[in-house]
Amino acid sequence: MDNEGYEASREKRKIYVTLRDPVADKLDMLRIIDESARITFIRKPSFARSPFPSL
């Protein structure tokens, strides 16, 4: 993850929940939920995706 300029709000090696969002996809962004349950849009290239099995 590239957190340059966002060190306080984006922690390396942390797992963030993403939500599917067609508008965010068109803008090359991810819709994530942070630890305070706030929904934020982040540029996709800033994150590496890791698939996890559905529960």
Protein backbone atom coordinates (compact mmCIF):
# COMPACT_ATOMS: atom_id res chain seq x y z
CA MET A 1 0.00 0.00 0.00
CA ASP A 2 1.20 3.46 -0.84
CA ASN A 3 0.33 5.65 2.14
CA GLU A 4 2.64 8.60 1.39
CA GLY A 5 0.94 11.71 2.71
CA TYR A 6 -1.65 9.60 4.57
CA GLU A 7 0.53 7.84 7.17
CA ALA A 8 -1.82 8.67 10.05
CA SER A 9 -4.98 7.43 8.34
CA ARG A 10 -3.76 4.46 6.25
CA GLU A 11 -1.91 1.74 8.11
CA LYS A 12 0.36 -0.64 6.23
CA ARG A 13 -0.46 -4.36 6.50
CA LYS A 14 -3.97 -3.59 7.74
CA ILE A 15 -7.00 -5.26 6.21
CA TYR A 16 -9.69 -2.86 5.03
CA VAL A 17 -13.19 -3.95 4.03
CA THR A 18 -14.16 -2.84 0.53
CA LEU A 19 -17.64 -2.36 -0.85
CA ARG A 20 -18.59 -2.87 -4.49
CA ASP A 21 -19.33 0.46 -6.09
CA PRO A 22 -19.75 0.84 -9.88
CA VAL A 23 -19.12 4.60 -9.74
CA ALA A 24 -15.89 4.14 -7.76
CA ASP A 25 -14.79 1.45 -10.26
CA LYS A 26 -15.24 3.86 -13.16
CA LEU A 27 -13.06 6.40 -11.31
CA ASP A 28 -10.37 3.75 -10.55
CA MET A 29 -11.13 3.98 -6.83
CA LEU A 30 -12.10 1.64 -4.01
CA ARG A 31 -14.84 2.26 -1.50
CA ILE A 32 -13.50 1.20 1.90
CA ILE A 33 -14.78 1.15 5.48
CA ASP A 34 -12.18 2.32 8.00
CA GLU A 35 -11.90 1.45 11.71
CA SER A 36 -14.28 4.27 12.69
CA ALA A 37 -16.91 2.81 10.29
CA ARG A 38 -16.46 5.81 7.97
CA ILE A 39 -16.85 5.06 4.26
CA THR A 40 -14.03 6.54 2.19
CA PHE A 41 -13.00 6.46 -1.46
CA ILE A 42 -9.32 5.66 -2.10
CA ARG A 43 -7.39 5.36 -5.38
CA LYS A 44 -7.06 1.68 -6.38
CA PRO A 45 -3.33 1.86 -7.11
CA SER A 46 -2.76 2.71 -3.42
CA PHE A 47 -3.84 -0.79 -2.31
CA ALA A 48 -3.03 -4.41 -3.06
CA ARG A 49 -6.05 -6.71 -3.10
CA SER A 50 -6.04 -10.04 -1.27
CA PRO A 51 -9.01 -12.32 -1.82
CA PHE A 52 -10.48 -13.95 1.26
CA PRO A 53 -13.08 -16.71 1.21
CA SER A 54 -16.65 -15.68 1.95
CA LEU A 55 -18.01 -16.76 5.29
